[in-house]
N, C-alpha and C. Protein backbone atom coordinates (compact mmCIF):
# COMPACT_ATOMS: atom_id res chain seq x y z
N UNK A 1 0.86 -1.17 0.00
CA UNK A 1 0.00 0.00 0.00
C UNK A 1 0.90 1.23 0.00
N UNK A 2 0.70 2.16 -0.94
CA UNK A 2 1.57 3.32 -1.02
C UNK A 2 1.25 4.34 0.06
N UNK A 3 2.15 5.28 0.22
CA UNK A 3 1.94 6.38 1.14
C UNK A 3 0.81 7.27 0.60
N UNK A 4 0.09 7.91 1.50
CA UNK A 4 -1.02 8.76 1.10
C UNK A 4 -0.62 10.22 1.25
N UNK A 5 -0.95 11.02 0.25
CA UNK A 5 -0.74 12.46 0.32
C UNK A 5 -2.07 13.12 0.69
N UNK A 6 -2.09 13.92 1.72
CA UNK A 6 -3.29 14.62 2.15
C UNK A 6 -2.94 16.06 2.48
N UNK A 7 -3.94 16.92 2.41
CA UNK A 7 -3.76 18.31 2.84
C UNK A 7 -4.40 18.40 4.23
N UNK A 8 -3.60 18.80 5.20
CA UNK A 8 -4.06 18.88 6.58
C UNK A 8 -3.65 20.22 7.14
N UNK A 9 -4.63 21.07 7.42
CA UNK A 9 -4.39 22.38 8.01
C UNK A 9 -3.34 23.18 7.24
N UNK A 10 -3.49 23.23 5.93
CA UNK A 10 -2.63 24.04 5.09
C UNK A 10 -1.26 23.43 4.80
N UNK A 11 -1.10 22.15 5.10
CA UNK A 11 0.18 21.50 4.85
C UNK A 11 -0.06 20.25 4.02
N UNK A 12 0.93 19.89 3.24
CA UNK A 12 0.89 18.62 2.53
C UNK A 12 1.39 17.57 3.52
N UNK A 13 0.60 16.53 3.71
CA UNK A 13 0.92 15.51 4.72
C UNK A 13 1.07 14.17 4.02
N UNK A 14 2.11 13.45 4.34
CA UNK A 14 2.31 12.10 3.85
C UNK A 14 2.13 11.15 5.02
N UNK A 15 1.18 10.25 4.90
CA UNK A 15 0.92 9.27 5.96
C UNK A 15 1.43 7.93 5.48
N UNK A 16 2.28 7.32 6.26
CA UNK A 16 2.85 6.03 5.90
C UNK A 16 1.90 4.92 6.31
N UNK A 17 1.80 3.87 5.53
CA UNK A 17 0.87 2.78 5.84
C UNK A 17 1.30 2.01 7.09
N UNK A 18 0.34 1.27 7.63
CA UNK A 18 0.57 0.54 8.88
C UNK A 18 1.65 -0.52 8.73
N UNK A 19 1.71 -1.19 7.58
CA UNK A 19 2.72 -2.24 7.44
C UNK A 19 4.13 -1.66 7.49
N UNK A 20 4.32 -0.46 7.00
CA UNK A 20 5.61 0.20 7.10
C UNK A 20 5.92 0.55 8.55
N UNK A 21 4.89 0.98 9.27
CA UNK A 21 5.07 1.29 10.69
C UNK A 21 5.44 0.03 11.45
N UNK A 22 4.83 -1.12 11.09
CA UNK A 22 5.16 -2.38 11.75
C UNK A 22 6.61 -2.78 11.46
N UNK A 23 7.03 -2.57 10.22
CA UNK A 23 8.38 -2.94 9.83
C UNK A 23 9.43 -2.18 10.66
N UNK A 24 9.15 -0.91 10.95
CA UNK A 24 10.09 -0.11 11.72
C UNK A 24 9.73 -0.08 13.21
N UNK A 25 8.78 -0.90 13.61
CA UNK A 25 8.35 -1.07 14.99
C UNK A 25 7.91 0.25 15.61
N UNK A 26 7.11 1.00 14.86
CA UNK A 26 6.54 2.22 15.38
C UNK A 26 5.21 1.90 16.04
N UNK A 27 4.81 2.72 16.97
CA UNK A 27 3.54 2.54 17.65
C UNK A 27 2.41 2.72 16.64
N UNK A 28 1.49 1.77 16.55
CA UNK A 28 0.42 1.83 15.56
C UNK A 28 -0.59 2.92 15.87
N UNK A 29 -0.69 3.32 17.15
CA UNK A 29 -1.64 4.37 17.50
C UNK A 29 -1.07 5.75 17.21
N UNK A 30 0.18 5.84 16.86
CA UNK A 30 0.82 7.11 16.55
C UNK A 30 1.43 7.02 15.16
N UNK A 31 0.62 7.22 14.11
CA UNK A 31 1.17 7.10 12.77
C UNK A 31 2.22 8.17 12.50
N UNK A 32 3.22 7.80 11.75
CA UNK A 32 4.29 8.71 11.38
C UNK A 32 3.80 9.58 10.24
N UNK A 33 3.91 10.87 10.42
CA UNK A 33 3.43 11.81 9.42
C UNK A 33 4.57 12.73 9.02
N UNK A 34 4.78 12.85 7.74
CA UNK A 34 5.81 13.72 7.20
C UNK A 34 5.10 14.95 6.64
N UNK A 35 5.41 16.13 7.13
CA UNK A 35 4.69 17.32 6.68
C UNK A 35 5.61 18.25 5.90
N UNK A 36 5.00 18.96 4.98
CA UNK A 36 5.71 19.94 4.16
C UNK A 36 4.75 21.11 3.96
N UNK A 37 5.25 22.30 3.94
CA UNK A 37 4.39 23.47 3.75
C UNK A 37 3.61 23.34 2.44
N UNK A 38 2.43 23.96 2.40
CA UNK A 38 1.53 23.77 1.26
C UNK A 38 2.05 24.41 -0.03
N UNK A 39 3.18 25.09 0.03
CA UNK A 39 3.70 25.69 -1.19
C UNK A 39 4.10 24.63 -2.21
N UNK A 40 4.32 23.41 -1.75
CA UNK A 40 4.68 22.33 -2.64
C UNK A 40 6.14 22.35 -3.03
N UNK A 41 6.89 23.24 -2.47
CA UNK A 41 8.31 23.36 -2.78
C UNK A 41 9.06 22.17 -2.19
N UNK A 42 9.70 21.35 -3.03
CA UNK A 42 10.42 20.19 -2.50
C UNK A 42 11.59 20.58 -1.60
N UNK A 43 12.08 21.81 -1.76
CA UNK A 43 13.20 22.24 -0.93
C UNK A 43 12.74 22.81 0.40
N UNK A 44 11.41 22.93 0.59
CA UNK A 44 10.90 23.46 1.86
C UNK A 44 11.29 22.51 2.99
N UNK A 45 11.49 23.07 4.17
CA UNK A 45 11.91 22.20 5.27
C UNK A 45 10.84 21.16 5.58
N UNK A 46 11.28 19.96 5.81
CA UNK A 46 10.40 18.84 6.13
C UNK A 46 10.58 18.55 7.61
N UNK A 47 9.48 18.32 8.29
CA UNK A 47 9.61 17.96 9.69
C UNK A 47 8.72 16.76 9.98
N UNK A 48 9.09 16.03 10.97
CA UNK A 48 8.29 14.88 11.39
C UNK A 48 7.34 15.32 12.48
N UNK A 49 6.11 14.93 12.37
CA UNK A 49 5.12 15.25 13.40
C UNK A 49 4.39 13.97 13.75
N UNK A 50 3.97 13.86 14.96
CA UNK A 50 3.23 12.70 15.41
C UNK A 50 1.83 13.16 15.81
N UNK A 51 0.82 12.66 15.09
CA UNK A 51 -0.55 12.96 15.41
C UNK A 51 -1.13 11.76 16.14
N UNK A 52 -1.47 11.96 17.38
CA UNK A 52 -1.96 10.88 18.22
C UNK A 52 -3.46 10.74 18.01
N UNK A 53 -3.91 9.52 17.74
CA UNK A 53 -5.30 9.28 17.41
C UNK A 53 -6.15 8.87 18.61
N UNK A 54 -5.54 8.60 19.74
CA UNK A 54 -6.31 8.17 20.89
C UNK A 54 -7.04 9.35 21.52
N UNK A 55 -8.22 9.08 22.11
CA UNK A 55 -9.02 10.11 22.73
C UNK A 55 -8.32 10.63 23.98
N UNK A 56 -8.32 11.91 24.15
CA UNK A 56 -7.78 12.51 25.36
C UNK A 56 -6.31 12.86 25.26
N UNK A 57 -5.69 12.77 24.11
CA UNK A 57 -4.29 13.15 23.98
C UNK A 57 -4.16 14.27 22.96
N UNK A 58 -2.98 14.79 22.80
CA UNK A 58 -2.77 15.94 21.94
C UNK A 58 -3.15 15.59 20.50
N UNK A 59 -4.01 16.43 19.92
CA UNK A 59 -4.48 16.21 18.56
C UNK A 59 -3.68 17.05 17.57
N UNK A 60 -3.25 18.22 17.99
CA UNK A 60 -2.51 19.09 17.09
C UNK A 60 -1.35 19.73 17.82
N UNK A 61 -0.42 20.22 17.05
CA UNK A 61 0.68 20.96 17.63
C UNK A 61 0.71 22.37 17.04
N UNK A 62 -0.47 22.91 16.73
CA UNK A 62 -0.56 24.19 16.05
C UNK A 62 -0.30 25.37 16.98
N UNK A 63 -0.61 25.22 18.27
CA UNK A 63 -0.48 26.30 19.24
C UNK A 63 -1.24 27.54 18.75
N UNK A 64 -2.45 27.31 18.28
CA UNK A 64 -3.27 28.36 17.70
C UNK A 64 -4.63 28.37 18.40
N UNK A 65 -5.08 29.52 18.94
CA UNK A 65 -6.37 29.54 19.64
C UNK A 65 -7.56 29.33 18.72
N UNK A 66 -7.36 29.35 17.41
CA UNK A 66 -8.50 29.12 16.50
C UNK A 66 -9.07 27.71 16.67
N UNK A 67 -8.25 26.77 17.11
CA UNK A 67 -8.74 25.41 17.36
C UNK A 67 -9.76 25.44 18.50
N UNK A 68 -9.45 26.17 19.56
CA UNK A 68 -10.38 26.33 20.68
C UNK A 68 -11.66 27.01 20.23
N UNK A 69 -11.53 28.07 19.45
CA UNK A 69 -12.71 28.81 19.02
C UNK A 69 -13.59 27.98 18.09
N UNK A 70 -12.99 27.15 17.28
CA UNK A 70 -13.77 26.26 16.41
C UNK A 70 -14.54 25.24 17.24
N UNK A 71 -13.90 24.71 18.26
CA UNK A 71 -14.59 23.75 19.14
C UNK A 71 -15.72 24.44 19.89
N UNK A 72 -15.49 25.69 20.28
CA UNK A 72 -16.53 26.41 21.00
C UNK A 72 -17.71 26.75 20.09
N UNK A 73 -17.43 27.11 18.84
CA UNK A 73 -18.53 27.35 17.89
C UNK A 73 -19.36 26.09 17.67
N UNK A 74 -18.69 24.96 17.61
CA UNK A 74 -19.40 23.69 17.45
C UNK A 74 -20.28 23.41 18.67
N UNK A 75 -19.75 23.67 19.86
CA UNK A 75 -20.53 23.49 21.08
C UNK A 75 -21.76 24.39 21.07
N UNK A 76 -21.59 25.64 20.68
CA UNK A 76 -22.72 26.56 20.67
C UNK A 76 -23.75 26.17 19.61
N UNK A 77 -23.32 25.60 18.51
CA UNK A 77 -24.27 25.11 17.51
C UNK A 77 -25.09 23.95 18.07
N UNK A 78 -24.44 23.05 18.79
CA UNK A 78 -25.17 21.96 19.42
C UNK A 78 -26.09 22.48 20.52
N UNK A 79 -25.68 23.55 21.19
CA UNK A 79 -26.53 24.15 22.21
C UNK A 79 -27.81 24.70 21.57
N UNK A 80 -27.67 25.40 20.44
CA UNK A 80 -28.86 25.89 19.74
C UNK A 80 -29.76 24.74 19.29
N UNK A 81 -29.15 23.67 18.81
CA UNK A 81 -29.92 22.51 18.37
C UNK A 81 -30.68 21.90 19.53
N UNK A 82 -30.03 21.74 20.67
CA UNK A 82 -30.69 21.13 21.82
C UNK A 82 -31.81 22.01 22.34
N UNK A 83 -31.60 23.34 22.36
CA UNK A 83 -32.67 24.23 22.80
C UNK A 83 -33.86 24.19 21.83
N UNK A 84 -33.58 24.07 20.56
CA UNK A 84 -34.66 23.96 19.57
C UNK A 84 -35.45 22.67 19.75
N UNK A 85 -34.75 21.58 20.00
CA UNK A 85 -35.44 20.30 20.22
C UNK A 85 -36.30 20.36 21.48
N UNK A 86 -35.79 20.97 22.54
CA UNK A 86 -36.56 21.09 23.78
C UNK A 86 -37.80 21.96 23.55
N UNK A 87 -37.63 23.09 22.86
CA UNK A 87 -38.77 23.97 22.59
C UNK A 87 -39.80 23.29 21.70
N UNK A 88 -39.34 22.58 20.69
CA UNK A 88 -40.26 21.87 19.80
C UNK A 88 -41.01 20.79 20.58
N UNK A 89 -40.33 20.08 21.45
CA UNK A 89 -40.99 19.07 22.27
C UNK A 89 -42.04 19.67 23.18
N UNK A 90 -41.75 20.83 23.74
CA UNK A 90 -42.72 21.51 24.59
C UNK A 90 -43.97 21.90 23.79
N UNK A 91 -43.77 22.41 22.58
CA UNK A 91 -44.89 22.81 21.73
C UNK A 91 -45.72 21.60 21.33
N UNK A 92 -45.07 20.51 20.99
CA UNK A 92 -45.80 19.29 20.60
C UNK A 92 -46.61 18.77 21.78
N UNK A 93 -46.01 18.78 22.97
CA UNK A 93 -46.73 18.28 24.15
C UNK A 93 -47.94 19.16 24.45
N UNK A 94 -47.78 20.46 24.34
CA UNK A 94 -48.89 21.39 24.62
C UNK A 94 -49.93 21.36 23.50
N UNK A 95 -49.58 20.92 22.31
CA UNK A 95 -50.56 20.83 21.22
C UNK A 95 -51.66 19.84 21.56
N UNK A 96 -51.32 18.78 22.26
CA UNK A 96 -52.33 17.81 22.69
C UNK A 96 -53.34 18.44 23.63
N UNK A 97 -52.84 19.28 24.54
CA UNK A 97 -53.75 19.97 25.45
C UNK A 97 -54.61 20.99 24.71
N UNK A 98 -54.03 21.63 23.70
CA UNK A 98 -54.78 22.60 22.90
C UNK A 98 -55.90 21.90 22.12
N UNK A 99 -55.59 20.75 21.55
CA UNK A 99 -56.61 19.98 20.82
C UNK A 99 -57.73 19.59 21.77
N UNK A 100 -57.37 19.19 22.96
CA UNK A 100 -58.36 18.77 23.96
C UNK A 100 -59.20 19.97 24.41
N UNK A 101 -58.60 21.16 24.52
CA UNK A 101 -59.34 22.33 24.97
C UNK A 101 -60.26 22.87 23.87
N UNK A 102 -59.82 22.84 22.61
CA UNK A 102 -60.63 23.38 21.52
C UNK A 102 -61.78 22.47 21.13
N UNK A 103 -61.55 21.16 21.12
CA UNK A 103 -62.60 20.22 20.72
C UNK A 103 -62.60 19.04 21.70
N UNK A 104 -63.21 19.22 22.87
CA UNK A 104 -63.18 18.14 23.85
C UNK A 104 -63.85 16.85 23.37
N UNK A 105 -64.85 16.96 22.56
CA UNK A 105 -65.53 15.76 22.09
C UNK A 105 -64.75 15.09 20.96
N UNK A 106 -64.01 15.87 20.17
CA UNK A 106 -63.30 15.32 19.02
C UNK A 106 -61.90 14.81 19.34
N UNK A 107 -61.41 15.11 20.54
CA UNK A 107 -60.05 14.69 20.88
C UNK A 107 -60.07 13.26 21.40
N UNK A 108 -59.29 12.41 20.76
CA UNK A 108 -59.18 11.03 21.22
C UNK A 108 -58.13 10.96 22.32
N UNK A 109 -58.33 10.04 23.22
CA UNK A 109 -57.38 9.87 24.32
C UNK A 109 -56.02 9.43 23.78
N UNK A 110 -56.03 8.61 22.77
CA UNK A 110 -54.77 8.14 22.18
C UNK A 110 -54.01 9.29 21.52
N UNK A 111 -54.74 10.21 20.90
CA UNK A 111 -54.09 11.35 20.25
C UNK A 111 -53.43 12.26 21.28
N UNK A 112 -54.10 12.52 22.38
CA UNK A 112 -53.52 13.35 23.44
C UNK A 112 -52.32 12.65 24.07
N UNK A 113 -52.43 11.35 24.29
CA UNK A 113 -51.32 10.60 24.87
C UNK A 113 -50.12 10.56 23.91
N UNK A 114 -50.41 10.43 22.62
CA UNK A 114 -49.33 10.40 21.64
C UNK A 114 -48.57 11.72 21.59
N UNK A 115 -49.30 12.84 21.59
CA UNK A 115 -48.61 14.14 21.59
C UNK A 115 -47.82 14.35 22.87
N UNK A 116 -48.33 13.84 23.99
CA UNK A 116 -47.60 13.95 25.25
C UNK A 116 -46.27 13.19 25.17
N UNK A 117 -46.31 11.94 24.77
CA UNK A 117 -45.08 11.12 24.74
C UNK A 117 -44.13 11.57 23.63
N UNK A 118 -44.68 12.02 22.51
CA UNK A 118 -43.82 12.53 21.44
C UNK A 118 -43.11 13.82 21.88
N UNK A 119 -43.84 14.69 22.56
CA UNK A 119 -43.23 15.92 23.08
C UNK A 119 -42.14 15.62 24.10
N UNK A 120 -42.43 14.70 25.02
CA UNK A 120 -41.41 14.32 26.01
C UNK A 120 -40.19 13.68 25.35
N UNK A 121 -40.42 12.95 24.27
CA UNK A 121 -39.28 12.35 23.56
C UNK A 121 -38.38 13.41 22.95
N UNK A 122 -38.97 14.44 22.37
CA UNK A 122 -38.17 15.53 21.81
C UNK A 122 -37.40 16.28 22.92
N UNK A 123 -38.06 16.49 24.05
CA UNK A 123 -37.39 17.16 25.17
C UNK A 123 -36.23 16.30 25.67
N UNK A 124 -36.44 15.00 25.78
CA UNK A 124 -35.37 14.10 26.22
C UNK A 124 -34.22 14.09 25.22
N UNK A 125 -34.55 14.09 23.93
CA UNK A 125 -33.50 14.13 22.90
C UNK A 125 -32.70 15.42 23.00
N UNK A 126 -33.37 16.55 23.22
CA UNK A 126 -32.67 17.82 23.38
C UNK A 126 -31.79 17.84 24.60
N UNK A 127 -32.26 17.27 25.70
CA UNK A 127 -31.45 17.21 26.93
C UNK A 127 -30.23 16.32 26.73
N UNK A 128 -30.43 15.18 26.09
CA UNK A 128 -29.31 14.28 25.82
C UNK A 128 -28.29 14.96 24.90
N UNK A 129 -28.78 15.65 23.87
CA UNK A 129 -27.89 16.34 22.93
C UNK A 129 -27.05 17.38 23.65
N UNK A 130 -27.67 18.11 24.54
CA UNK A 130 -26.94 19.14 25.29
C UNK A 130 -25.89 18.52 26.21
N UNK A 131 -26.26 17.48 26.91
CA UNK A 131 -25.30 16.82 27.81
C UNK A 131 -24.15 16.16 27.07
N UNK A 132 -24.46 15.50 25.97
CA UNK A 132 -23.41 14.81 25.22
C UNK A 132 -22.46 15.79 24.54
N UNK A 133 -23.00 16.89 24.03
CA UNK A 133 -22.12 17.88 23.41
C UNK A 133 -21.23 18.55 24.45
N UNK A 134 -21.72 18.72 25.66
CA UNK A 134 -20.88 19.25 26.74
C UNK A 134 -19.75 18.27 27.06
N UNK A 135 -20.06 16.99 27.06
CA UNK A 135 -19.03 15.98 27.30
C UNK A 135 -17.97 16.00 26.19
N UNK A 136 -18.42 16.07 24.94
CA UNK A 136 -17.49 16.09 23.82
C UNK A 136 -16.59 17.33 23.88
N UNK A 137 -17.15 18.47 24.24
CA UNK A 137 -16.37 19.70 24.33
C UNK A 137 -15.32 19.59 25.44
N UNK A 138 -15.69 18.97 26.55
CA UNK A 138 -14.71 18.82 27.64
C UNK A 138 -13.57 17.90 27.21
N UNK A 139 -13.87 16.89 26.39
CA UNK A 139 -12.81 16.01 25.87
C UNK A 139 -11.87 16.81 24.97
N UNK A 140 -12.44 17.66 24.12
CA UNK A 140 -11.61 18.48 23.23
C UNK A 140 -10.76 19.45 24.04
N UNK A 141 -11.33 20.04 25.09
CA UNK A 141 -10.55 20.97 25.92
C UNK A 141 -9.35 20.29 26.55
N UNK A 142 -9.51 19.04 26.94
CA UNK A 142 -8.38 18.32 27.55
C UNK A 142 -7.28 18.03 26.53
N UNK A 143 -7.60 17.99 25.25
CA UNK A 143 -6.58 17.69 24.25
C UNK A 143 -5.77 18.91 23.85
N UNK A 144 -6.25 20.10 24.18
CA UNK A 144 -5.56 21.32 23.76
C UNK A 144 -4.40 21.65 24.69
N UNK A 145 -3.36 22.20 24.12
CA UNK A 145 -2.21 22.61 24.91
C UNK A 145 -2.49 23.99 25.51
N UNK A 146 -1.78 24.37 26.57
CA UNK A 146 -1.99 25.69 27.19
C UNK A 146 -1.77 26.85 26.22
N UNK A 147 -0.93 26.66 25.20
CA UNK A 147 -0.68 27.73 24.23
C UNK A 147 -1.89 28.01 23.35
N UNK A 148 -2.84 27.07 23.29
CA UNK A 148 -4.02 27.25 22.45
C UNK A 148 -5.15 27.99 23.18
N UNK A 149 -4.95 28.34 24.46
CA UNK A 149 -5.92 29.11 25.22
C UNK A 149 -5.43 30.56 25.30
N UNK A 150 -6.24 31.52 24.87
CA UNK A 150 -5.83 32.92 25.02
C UNK A 150 -5.73 33.28 26.51
N UNK A 151 -4.84 34.18 26.86
CA UNK A 151 -4.70 34.56 28.27
C UNK A 151 -5.99 35.15 28.83
N UNK A 152 -6.41 34.65 29.97
CA UNK A 152 -7.60 35.16 30.63
C UNK A 152 -8.92 34.72 30.03
N UNK A 153 -8.90 33.81 29.10
CA UNK A 153 -10.13 33.37 28.44
C UNK A 153 -10.75 32.23 29.22
N UNK A 154 -12.02 32.37 29.59
CA UNK A 154 -12.73 31.34 30.35
C UNK A 154 -13.43 30.41 29.37
N UNK A 155 -12.79 29.31 29.05
CA UNK A 155 -13.32 28.39 28.04
C UNK A 155 -14.40 27.47 28.59
N UNK A 156 -14.60 27.45 29.89
CA UNK A 156 -15.54 26.50 30.48
C UNK A 156 -16.97 27.03 30.58
N UNK A 157 -17.21 28.29 30.24
CA UNK A 157 -18.57 28.84 30.34
C UNK A 157 -19.54 28.14 29.41
N UNK A 158 -19.13 27.87 28.21
CA UNK A 158 -20.01 27.16 27.27
C UNK A 158 -20.35 25.78 27.77
N UNK A 159 -19.37 25.14 28.39
CA UNK A 159 -19.58 23.81 28.98
C UNK A 159 -20.62 23.88 30.09
N UNK A 160 -20.51 24.90 30.93
CA UNK A 160 -21.46 25.06 32.03
C UNK A 160 -22.87 25.34 31.51
N UNK A 161 -22.99 26.17 30.50
CA UNK A 161 -24.31 26.49 29.95
C UNK A 161 -24.96 25.24 29.36
N UNK A 162 -24.21 24.45 28.63
CA UNK A 162 -24.78 23.22 28.06
C UNK A 162 -25.18 22.23 29.15
N UNK A 163 -24.40 22.13 30.19
CA UNK A 163 -24.75 21.23 31.29
C UNK A 163 -26.03 21.69 31.98
N UNK A 164 -26.18 23.00 32.17
CA UNK A 164 -27.39 23.54 32.79
C UNK A 164 -28.60 23.29 31.90
N UNK A 165 -28.45 23.47 30.60
CA UNK A 165 -29.57 23.20 29.67
C UNK A 165 -29.99 21.74 29.76
N UNK A 166 -29.02 20.83 29.85
CA UNK A 166 -29.34 19.40 29.96
C UNK A 166 -30.11 19.12 31.25
N UNK A 167 -29.67 19.69 32.35
CA UNK A 167 -30.33 19.47 33.66
C UNK A 167 -31.73 20.08 33.64
N UNK A 168 -31.87 21.28 33.11
CA UNK A 168 -33.19 21.91 33.06
C UNK A 168 -34.15 21.15 32.14
N UNK A 169 -33.63 20.56 31.08
CA UNK A 169 -34.47 19.72 30.22
C UNK A 169 -35.01 18.51 30.96
N UNK A 170 -34.16 17.91 31.78
CA UNK A 170 -34.60 16.76 32.59
C UNK A 170 -35.65 17.21 33.61
N UNK A 171 -35.43 18.37 34.23
CA UNK A 171 -36.43 18.90 35.16
C UNK A 171 -37.76 19.19 34.45
N UNK A 172 -37.70 19.67 33.22
CA UNK A 172 -38.92 19.93 32.45
C UNK A 172 -39.67 18.63 32.20
N UNK A 173 -38.96 17.57 31.89
CA UNK A 173 -39.61 16.25 31.69
C UNK A 173 -40.29 15.81 32.98
N UNK A 174 -39.61 15.97 34.10
CA UNK A 174 -40.18 15.55 35.39
C UNK A 174 -41.43 16.37 35.72
N UNK A 175 -41.36 17.69 35.53
CA UNK A 175 -42.50 18.56 35.84
C UNK A 175 -43.69 18.23 34.94
N UNK A 176 -43.44 18.00 33.66
CA UNK A 176 -44.53 17.68 32.74
C UNK A 176 -45.13 16.31 33.06
N UNK A 177 -44.30 15.38 33.47
CA UNK A 177 -44.81 14.06 33.85
C UNK A 177 -45.66 14.13 35.10
N UNK A 178 -45.23 14.92 36.07
CA UNK A 178 -46.00 15.08 37.31
C UNK A 178 -47.31 15.78 36.99
N UNK A 179 -47.26 16.81 36.12
CA UNK A 179 -48.48 17.53 35.76
C UNK A 179 -49.48 16.65 35.04
N UNK A 180 -49.01 15.66 34.32
CA UNK A 180 -49.90 14.76 33.57
C UNK A 180 -50.62 13.80 34.51
N UNK A 181 -49.96 13.37 35.56
CA UNK A 181 -50.59 12.40 36.46
C UNK A 181 -51.61 13.03 37.37
N UNK A 182 -51.56 14.35 37.53
CA UNK A 182 -52.53 15.02 38.44
C UNK A 182 -53.79 15.40 37.74
C-alpha cells in the first residue's frame, strides 16, 4: 500500500501505511506523518510530526487559539440545536392539550397521549444532545495545549451552559410528567 498524500491544516501531509510502521516497529496508534508546507516546494523544510489518534491526547501541535474557538462554535451550535429540540418538544406536548381544549368531544385519548409522549421524547433528545455535546467539548478541551488558550479566556462557560440546559431539560420532563398524572 503506497503512502497517502493529504492536505491537513494548510500542509501537505504524507501518511505512511501501517505495514511500514510495523516494519520499523513504530507505535500503531501514533502514525508517522511527514509534513511539508503547502507551497509544494520540495526544498521546503520537512519535519516529522506525530498525530496521536487516541481520545484525550494531543491532537494538534498548532499552538493556535482558533482550534479552541472552532470547538466552542461547534458546542454553541449543538446548544442551539438542543434548545430547539426542547422547545419543539414543549410545543408538541402542549398541542395535545390545545386539541383537547378546543374540541373536547373530538379529541381522542390516544391522540392526546401520543402528543404527550412525542413531546417528552423531543425534550429528552434535546437534553441528551446538550449533555453529550458538553461531554465532547470537555474532551476536546483536555486535548488542547496551554498555548491554544488565550490569556484570561474562560473556556468553560459554554460547557457550564450546556450542562445547565441538559439538567433543566430533565427537570422539564419531570414537571410535565408530574403535571400529567394530576
